[in-house]
Protein backbone atom coordinates (compact mmCIF):
# COMPACT_ATOMS: atom_id res chain seq x y z
CA MET A 1 0.00 0.00 0.00
CA ASN A 2 2.54 2.53 -1.16
CA PRO A 3 0.78 5.73 -2.31
CA GLU A 4 3.82 6.99 -4.23
CA PRO A 5 3.88 6.31 -7.97
CA GLU A 6 6.75 4.05 -9.01
CA ASN A 7 7.79 6.22 -11.98
CA GLU A 8 8.11 9.39 -9.90
CA LYS A 9 10.35 7.88 -7.24
CA LYS A 10 13.98 8.52 -8.15
CA GLU A 11 17.03 7.30 -6.35
CA LYS A 12 19.21 10.00 -4.78
CA ARG A 13 22.93 9.45 -4.65
CA PRO A 14 25.51 11.29 -2.60
CA PRO A 15 27.60 13.99 -4.30
CA ARG A 16 30.79 11.96 -4.55
CA TYR A 17 32.52 14.16 -7.12
CA LEU A 18 32.33 17.21 -4.87
CA GLY A 19 34.38 15.37 -2.27
CA ALA A 20 36.90 14.17 -4.82
CA GLY A 21 37.27 17.67 -6.26
CA LEU A 22 37.70 19.11 -2.79
CA VAL A 23 40.43 16.61 -1.93
CA LEU A 24 42.28 17.39 -5.17
CA GLY A 25 41.88 21.12 -4.62
CA VAL A 26 43.19 21.03 -1.05
CA GLY A 27 46.15 18.94 -2.17
CA MET A 28 46.89 21.32 -5.00
CA GLY A 29 46.44 24.32 -2.71
CA ALA A 30 48.78 22.87 -0.12
CA ALA A 31 51.42 22.19 -2.78
CA LEU A 32 51.14 25.74 -4.12
CA GLY A 33 50.94 27.35 -0.67
CA ASN A 34 47.41 28.78 -1.06
CA ILE A 35 44.85 26.40 0.41
CA ALA A 36 41.91 28.83 0.05
CA VAL A 37 42.33 29.03 -3.72
CA GLY A 38 42.78 25.26 -3.88
CA ILE A 39 39.49 24.72 -2.03
CA ALA A 40 37.65 27.06 -4.41
CA VAL A 41 39.15 25.41 -7.50
CA GLY A 42 38.45 21.92 -6.12
CA LEU A 43 34.81 22.73 -5.41
CA ALA A 44 34.38 24.18 -8.89
CA ILE A 45 35.91 21.09 -10.50
CA GLY A 46 33.84 18.76 -8.31
CA ALA A 47 30.61 20.60 -9.10
CA ALA A 48 31.36 20.49 -12.83
CA LEU A 49 32.05 16.74 -12.71
CA GLU A 50 28.90 16.12 -10.67
CA SER A 51 26.80 18.08 -13.13
CA TYR A 52 28.35 16.29 -16.11
CA HIS A 53 27.78 12.82 -14.71
CA LYS A 54 24.25 13.64 -13.54
CA GLU A 55 23.32 14.85 -17.04
CA LYS A 56 24.98 11.82 -18.62
CA GLN A 57 23.03 9.46 -16.35
CA GLN A 58 19.74 11.22 -17.14
CA ASN A 59 20.45 10.93 -20.89
CA GLU A 60 21.16 7.20 -20.50
CA ASN A 61 17.91 6.73 -18.55
CA ASP A 62 15.97 8.62 -21.23
CA ALA A 63 17.52 6.45 -23.95
CA ASP A 64 16.58 3.31 -21.99
CA ASP A 65 13.00 4.56 -21.65
CA GLU A 66 12.75 5.18 -25.41
CA GLY A 67 14.14 1.76 -26.21
CA SER A 68 11.72 -0.04 -23.89
CA HIS A 69 8.68 0.57 -26.11
CA ASP A 70 8.12 -2.65 -27.98
CA ASP A 71 5.87 -1.77 -30.91
CA GLY A 72 7.46 -4.08 -33.45
CA GLU A 73 9.55 -1.39 -35.15
CA VAL A 74 13.32 -1.50 -35.22
CA LYS A 75 15.01 1.81 -34.41
CA GLU A 76 18.44 2.51 -35.80
């Protein structure tokens, strides 16, 4: 007796690329002697990677949804 529609429920995943970007940025900032700039650059890189992979995953899901219609026609 779950009132939520199955199609509307989407799985949330943690922002793993933000953490990876932050780690790289802090390391780069420590090596260059300016940790604040490294943090800012790392967060920007992590956010860009997160956005890229999120969009890529949505495009793959949309392509899977289009391919699941079995109407007898072959799509090329």
